[in-house]
């Protein structure tokens, strides 16, 4: 009798437990609703980023000969006693475009740049990865992502590499941090 009671108890327990595991009709719908909401939010964010990207100037030229351009910039930097600021990235990179737009439309930053630097946008894209040029500077995009900044002195010697995420603030860049970065690597006036 004990064995029969034990078997009955185990059987009923198993049956009750298996009933709890079955999906309730509303559960599956709730899961789908959450997924749909997440998908919509992600799609909306991508759409907004694409709209923003479409409106921003595209300073990177995939057809440019970076080696030749930089040699010309070095000659110009020597004459003008300026450093060279290389902003590496591409027109595909929303943060690269945002940084360019921020500097160009913020008079305080544009003045510091124009006074101290020859500015160059070094393209990295599927059309032209500029591998030889990037290798010369230690492939900083592989390490830090894009944009990444390579600062050269007037003689073309690399004096600093700056990752950009430390300059960010919210969905943009910090005026104080960017200004400090530009001022820190400006040529020393004698």
C-alpha atoms as a PDB file:
ATOM      1  CA  UNK A   1       0.000   0.000   0.000  1.00  0.00           C
ATOM      2  CA  UNK A   2       2.860   2.343   0.818  1.00  0.00           C
ATOM      3  CA  UNK A   3       4.358   1.729  -2.606  1.00  0.00           C
ATOM      4  CA  UNK A   4       1.064   2.457  -4.303  1.00  0.00           C
ATOM      5  CA  UNK A   5       0.595   5.682  -2.310  1.00  0.00           C
ATOM      6  CA  UNK A   6       4.116   6.755  -3.121  1.00  0.00           C
ATOM      7  CA  UNK A   7       3.625   6.054  -6.831  1.00  0.00           C
ATOM      8  CA  UNK A   8       0.320   7.932  -6.846  1.00  0.00           C
ATOM      9  CA  UNK A   9       1.920  10.884  -5.080  1.00  0.00           C
ATOM     10  CA  UNK A  10       4.845  10.971  -7.530  1.00  0.00           C
ATOM     11  CA  UNK A  11       2.516  10.640 -10.514  1.00  0.00           C
ATOM     12  CA  UNK A  12       0.273  13.476  -9.367  1.00  0.00           C
ATOM     13  CA  UNK A  13       3.278  15.650  -8.540  1.00  0.00           C
ATOM     14  CA  UNK A  14       4.739  15.075 -11.990  1.00  0.00           C
ATOM     15  CA  UNK A  15       1.390  15.872 -13.619  1.00  0.00           C
ATOM     16  CA  UNK A  16       0.943  19.071 -11.577  1.00  0.00           C
ATOM     17  CA  UNK A  17       4.524  20.182 -12.282  1.00  0.00           C
ATOM     18  CA  UNK A  18       4.206  19.587 -16.026  1.00  0.00           C
ATOM     19  CA  UNK A  19       1.013  21.659 -16.132  1.00  0.00           C
ATOM     20  CA  UNK A  20       2.857  24.655 -14.650  1.00  0.00           C
ATOM     21  CA  UNK A  21       5.534  24.445 -17.330  1.00  0.00           C
ATOM     22  CA  UNK A  22       3.110  24.646 -20.244  1.00  0.00           C
ATOM     23  CA  UNK A  23       2.919  28.036 -21.911  1.00  0.00           C
ATOM     24  CA  UNK A  24       0.085  30.203 -20.936  1.00  0.00           C
ATOM     25  CA  UNK A  25      -1.470  31.783 -24.043  1.00  0.00           C
ATOM     26  CA  UNK A  26      -0.677  35.349 -22.987  1.00  0.00           C
ATOM     27  CA  UNK A  27       2.986  34.665 -22.119  1.00  0.00           C
ATOM     28  CA  UNK A  28       4.121  34.028 -25.661  1.00  0.00           C
ATOM     29  CA  UNK A  29       2.293  37.131 -26.931  1.00  0.00           C
ATOM     30  CA  UNK A  30       3.916  39.254 -24.219  1.00  0.00           C
ATOM     31  CA  UNK A  31       7.361  37.982 -25.300  1.00  0.00           C
ATOM     32  CA  UNK A  32       6.625  38.901 -28.914  1.00  0.00           C
ATOM     33  CA  UNK A  33       5.397  42.344 -27.882  1.00  0.00           C
ATOM     34  CA  UNK A  34       8.648  43.039 -26.046  1.00  0.00           C
ATOM     35  CA  UNK A  35      10.662  41.924 -29.055  1.00  0.00           C
ATOM     36  CA  UNK A  36       8.620  44.084 -31.418  1.00  0.00           C
ATOM     37  CA  UNK A  37       9.026  47.120 -29.153  1.00  0.00           C
ATOM     38  CA  UNK A  38      12.793  46.584 -28.965  1.00  0.00           C
ATOM     39  CA  UNK A  39      12.996  46.159 -32.743  1.00  0.00           C
ATOM     40  CA  UNK A  40      11.035  49.395 -33.290  1.00  0.00           C
ATOM     41  CA  UNK A  41      13.274  51.318 -30.891  1.00  0.00           C
ATOM     42  CA  UNK A  42      16.393  49.990 -32.621  1.00  0.00           C
ATOM     43  CA  UNK A  43      14.980  50.783 -36.066  1.00  0.00           C
ATOM     44  CA  UNK A  44      14.006  54.293 -34.958  1.00  0.00           C
ATOM     45  CA  UNK A  45      17.514  54.908 -33.594  1.00  0.00           C
ATOM     46  CA  UNK A  46      19.087  53.650 -36.834  1.00  0.00           C
ATOM     47  CA  UNK A  47      16.731  55.797 -38.898  1.00  0.00           C
ATOM     48  CA  UNK A  48      17.568  58.926 -36.869  1.00  0.00           C
ATOM     49  CA  UNK A  49      21.305  58.231 -37.173  1.00  0.00           C
ATOM     50  CA  UNK A  50      20.967  57.752 -40.949  1.00  0.00           C
ATOM     51  CA  UNK A  51      19.028  61.031 -41.258  1.00  0.00           C
ATOM     52  CA  UNK A  52      21.664  62.843 -39.187  1.00  0.00           C
ATOM     53  CA  UNK A  53      24.488  61.291 -41.219  1.00  0.00           C
ATOM     54  CA  UNK A  54      22.836  62.340 -44.498  1.00  0.00           C
ATOM     55  CA  UNK A  55      22.767  65.988 -43.389  1.00  0.00           C
ATOM     56  CA  UNK A  56      26.400  66.194 -42.246  1.00  0.00           C
ATOM     57  CA  UNK A  57      29.285  67.188 -44.579  1.00  0.00           C
ATOM     58  CA  UNK A  58      31.426  64.278 -45.837  1.00  0.00           C
ATOM     59  CA  UNK A  59      35.058  65.404 -45.388  1.00  0.00           C
ATOM     60  CA  UNK A  60      36.742  62.080 -46.201  1.00  0.00           C
ATOM     61  CA  UNK A  61      37.900  61.401 -49.769  1.00  0.00           C
ATOM     62  CA  UNK A  62      38.325  57.676 -50.499  1.00  0.00           C
ATOM     63  CA  UNK A  63      40.115  58.568 -53.762  1.00  0.00           C
ATOM     64  CA  UNK A  64      42.757  60.738 -52.076  1.00  0.00           C
ATOM     65  CA  UNK A  65      46.420  59.711 -52.134  1.00  0.00           C
ATOM     66  CA  UNK A  66      47.046  60.028 -48.398  1.00  0.00           C
ATOM     67  CA  UNK A  67      50.821  59.548 -48.626  1.00  0.00           C
ATOM     68  CA  UNK A  68      51.174  62.348 -51.175  1.00  0.00           C
ATOM     69  CA  UNK A  69      48.694  64.583 -49.322  1.00  0.00           C
ATOM     70  CA  UNK A  70      50.533  64.230 -46.011  1.00  0.00           C
ATOM     71  CA  UNK A  71      53.910  64.995 -47.633  1.00  0.00           C
ATOM     72  CA  UNK A  72      52.383  68.195 -49.044  1.00  0.00           C
ATOM     73  CA  UNK A  73      50.933  69.026 -45.636  1.00  0.00           C
ATOM     74  CA  UNK A  74      54.344  68.615 -43.997  1.00  0.00           C
ATOM     75  CA  UNK A  75      55.873  71.141 -46.431  1.00  0.00           C
ATOM     76  CA  UNK A  76      53.016  73.559 -45.700  1.00  0.00           C
ATOM     77  CA  UNK A  77      53.271  72.991 -41.915  1.00  0.00           C
ATOM     78  CA  UNK A  78      57.000  73.825 -41.976  1.00  0.00           C
ATOM     79  CA  UNK A  79      56.318  77.108 -43.764  1.00  0.00           C
ATOM     80  CA  UNK A  80      53.422  78.057 -41.497  1.00  0.00           C
ATOM     81  CA  UNK A  81      55.029  76.698 -38.291  1.00  0.00           C
ATOM     82  CA  UNK A  82      51.959  74.604 -37.514  1.00  0.00           C
ATOM     83  CA  UNK A  83      51.372  71.027 -36.447  1.00  0.00           C
ATOM     84  CA  UNK A  84      49.318  68.590 -38.488  1.00  0.00           C
ATOM     85  CA  UNK A  85      46.075  67.218 -37.086  1.00  0.00           C
ATOM     86  CA  UNK A  86      45.000  64.027 -38.832  1.00  0.00           C
ATOM     87  CA  UNK A  87      41.449  62.971 -38.112  1.00  0.00           C
ATOM     88  CA  UNK A  88      41.261  59.338 -39.222  1.00  0.00           C
ATOM     89  CA  UNK A  89      37.902  57.790 -40.016  1.00  0.00           C
ATOM     90  CA  UNK A  90      35.391  57.753 -42.823  1.00  0.00           C
ATOM     91  CA  UNK A  91      32.138  59.122 -44.143  1.00  0.00           C
ATOM     92  CA  UNK A  92      30.463  55.928 -42.854  1.00  0.00           C
ATOM     93  CA  UNK A  93      31.309  56.898 -39.229  1.00  0.00           C
ATOM     94  CA  UNK A  94      28.659  59.055 -37.524  1.00  0.00           C
ATOM     95  CA  UNK A  95      31.063  60.076 -34.721  1.00  0.00           C
ATOM     96  CA  UNK A  96      33.683  61.146 -37.299  1.00  0.00           C
ATOM     97  CA  UNK A  97      31.128  63.325 -39.072  1.00  0.00           C
ATOM     98  CA  UNK A  98      29.836  64.733 -35.786  1.00  0.00           C
ATOM     99  CA  UNK A  99      33.344  65.715 -34.690  1.00  0.00           C
ATOM    100  CA  UNK A 100      34.095  67.424 -37.992  1.00  0.00           C
ATOM    101  CA  UNK A 101      30.800  69.329 -37.865  1.00  0.00           C
ATOM    102  CA  UNK A 102      31.351  70.283 -34.225  1.00  0.00           C
ATOM    103  CA  UNK A 103      34.793  71.758 -34.895  1.00  0.00           C
ATOM    104  CA  UNK A 104      33.689  73.543 -38.070  1.00  0.00           C
ATOM    105  CA  UNK A 105      30.623  75.132 -36.461  1.00  0.00           C
ATOM    106  CA  UNK A 106      32.116  76.044 -33.069  1.00  0.00           C
ATOM    107  CA  UNK A 107      34.062  79.291 -33.571  1.00  0.00           C
ATOM    108  CA  UNK A 108      36.116  78.825 -30.405  1.00  0.00           C
ATOM    109  CA  UNK A 109      37.410  75.446 -31.666  1.00  0.00           C
ATOM    110  CA  UNK A 110      37.740  76.454 -35.315  1.00  0.00           C
ATOM    111  CA  UNK A 111      39.944  79.421 -34.296  1.00  0.00           C
ATOM    112  CA  UNK A 112      42.274  77.171 -32.252  1.00  0.00           C
ATOM    113  CA  UNK A 113      42.518  74.685 -35.128  1.00  0.00           C
ATOM    114  CA  UNK A 114      43.052  77.287 -37.852  1.00  0.00           C
ATOM    115  CA  UNK A 115      45.723  79.058 -35.803  1.00  0.00           C
ATOM    116  CA  UNK A 116      47.721  75.937 -34.868  1.00  0.00           C
ATOM    117  CA  UNK A 117      47.082  73.105 -37.305  1.00  0.00           C
ATOM    118  CA  UNK A 118      46.971  71.963 -40.858  1.00  0.00           C
ATOM    119  CA  UNK A 119      43.920  69.670 -40.660  1.00  0.00           C
ATOM    120  CA  UNK A 120      43.549  66.477 -42.682  1.00  0.00           C
ATOM    121  CA  UNK A 121      40.861  63.800 -42.874  1.00  0.00           C
ATOM    122  CA  UNK A 122      42.586  60.447 -43.404  1.00  0.00           C
ATOM    123  CA  UNK A 123      40.114  58.068 -45.032  1.00  0.00           C
ATOM    124  CA  UNK A 124      39.524  54.537 -43.789  1.00  0.00           C
ATOM    125  CA  UNK A 125      36.802  52.767 -45.745  1.00  0.00           C
ATOM    126  CA  UNK A 126      36.259  49.614 -47.820  1.00  0.00           C
ATOM    127  CA  UNK A 127      37.109  51.642 -50.958  1.00  0.00           C
ATOM    128  CA  UNK A 128      40.461  52.768 -49.536  1.00  0.00           C
ATOM    129  CA  UNK A 129      41.865  51.582 -46.220  1.00  0.00           C
ATOM    130  CA  UNK A 130      45.128  53.534 -46.646  1.00  0.00           C
ATOM    131  CA  UNK A 131      46.909  50.583 -45.064  1.00  0.00           C
ATOM    132  CA  UNK A 132      50.435  51.870 -45.748  1.00  0.00           C
ATOM    133  CA  UNK A 133      49.688  55.237 -44.138  1.00  0.00           C
ATOM    134  CA  UNK A 134      47.910  53.731 -41.133  1.00  0.00           C
ATOM    135  CA  UNK A 135      50.749  51.233 -40.621  1.00  0.00           C
ATOM    136  CA  UNK A 136      53.220  54.137 -40.488  1.00  0.00           C
ATOM    137  CA  UNK A 137      51.328  55.468 -37.447  1.00  0.00           C
ATOM    138  CA  UNK A 138      50.837  52.110 -35.711  1.00  0.00           C
ATOM    139  CA  UNK A 139      47.278  51.411 -36.943  1.00  0.00           C
ATOM    140  CA  UNK A 140      45.604  53.447 -34.187  1.00  0.00           C
ATOM    141  CA  UNK A 141      42.101  52.791 -35.553  1.00  0.00           C
ATOM    142  CA  UNK A 142      42.531  49.083 -34.800  1.00  0.00           C
ATOM    143  CA  UNK A 143      43.298  49.933 -31.200  1.00  0.00           C
ATOM    144  CA  UNK A 144      40.956  52.877 -30.509  1.00  0.00           C
ATOM    145  CA  UNK A 145      38.243  52.802 -33.184  1.00  0.00           C
ATOM    146  CA  UNK A 146      37.181  55.884 -35.151  1.00  0.00           C
ATOM    147  CA  UNK A 147      37.604  58.727 -35.222  1.00  0.00           C
ATOM    148  CA  UNK A 148      41.152  58.649 -33.966  1.00  0.00           C
ATOM    149  CA  UNK A 149      43.505  61.608 -34.080  1.00  0.00           C
ATOM    150  CA  UNK A 150      47.155  61.510 -35.105  1.00  0.00           C
ATOM    151  CA  UNK A 151      49.144  64.647 -34.308  1.00  0.00           C
ATOM    152  CA  UNK A 152      52.309  65.338 -36.267  1.00  0.00           C
ATOM    153  CA  UNK A 153      54.797  68.124 -35.651  1.00  0.00           C
ATOM    154  CA  UNK A 154      55.768  70.464 -38.486  1.00  0.00           C
ATOM    155  CA  UNK A 155      58.445  67.965 -39.605  1.00  0.00           C
ATOM    156  CA  UNK A 156      55.948  65.119 -39.897  1.00  0.00           C
ATOM    157  CA  UNK A 157      57.028  63.314 -36.723  1.00  0.00           C
ATOM    158  CA  UNK A 158      54.154  61.684 -34.857  1.00  0.00           C
ATOM    159  CA  UNK A 159      53.913  63.285 -31.415  1.00  0.00           C
ATOM    160  CA  UNK A 160      50.558  61.989 -30.171  1.00  0.00           C
ATOM    161  CA  UNK A 161      47.656  59.646 -30.901  1.00  0.00           C
ATOM    162  CA  UNK A 162      44.317  60.491 -29.305  1.00  0.00           C
ATOM    163  CA  UNK A 163      41.295  58.245 -29.018  1.00  0.00           C
ATOM    164  CA  UNK A 164      38.065  60.164 -29.394  1.00  0.00           C
ATOM    165  CA  UNK A 165      35.782  58.561 -26.816  1.00  0.00           C
ATOM    166  CA  UNK A 166      37.449  60.526 -23.992  1.00  0.00           C
ATOM    167  CA  UNK A 167      36.348  63.723 -25.767  1.00  0.00           C
ATOM    168  CA  UNK A 168      32.700  62.666 -25.968  1.00  0.00           C
ATOM    169  CA  UNK A 169      29.832  63.999 -23.924  1.00  0.00           C
ATOM    170  CA  UNK A 170      26.328  62.609 -24.418  1.00  0.00           C
ATOM    171  CA  UNK A 171      25.586  62.330 -28.153  1.00  0.00           C
ATOM    172  CA  UNK A 172      28.345  64.792 -28.980  1.00  0.00           C
ATOM    173  CA  UNK A 173      31.633  66.191 -27.752  1.00  0.00           C
ATOM    174  CA  UNK A 174      32.717  68.245 -24.740  1.00  0.00           C
ATOM    175  CA  UNK A 175      33.821  71.773 -25.630  1.00  0.00           C
ATOM    176  CA  UNK A 176      36.280  71.896 -22.720  1.00  0.00           C
ATOM    177  CA  UNK A 177      37.853  68.495 -23.437  1.00  0.00           C
ATOM    178  CA  UNK A 178      38.199  69.128 -27.184  1.00  0.00           C
ATOM    179  CA  UNK A 179      39.630  72.612 -26.611  1.00  0.00           C
ATOM    180  CA  UNK A 180      42.103  71.234 -24.061  1.00  0.00           C
ATOM    181  CA  UNK A 181      43.162  68.503 -26.530  1.00  0.00           C
ATOM    182  CA  UNK A 182      43.751  71.004 -29.347  1.00  0.00           C
ATOM    183  CA  UNK A 183      45.622  73.421 -27.069  1.00  0.00           C
ATOM    184  CA  UNK A 184      47.766  70.685 -25.524  1.00  0.00           C
ATOM    185  CA  UNK A 185      49.166  69.541 -28.900  1.00  0.00           C
ATOM    186  CA  UNK A 186      49.467  72.937 -30.582  1.00  0.00           C
ATOM    187  CA  UNK A 187      53.004  73.919 -31.587  1.00  0.00           C
ATOM    188  CA  UNK A 188      54.990  75.508 -28.785  1.00  0.00           C
ATOM    189  CA  UNK A 189      55.520  79.187 -29.523  1.00  0.00           C
ATOM    190  CA  UNK A 190      59.113  80.290 -28.984  1.00  0.00           C
END
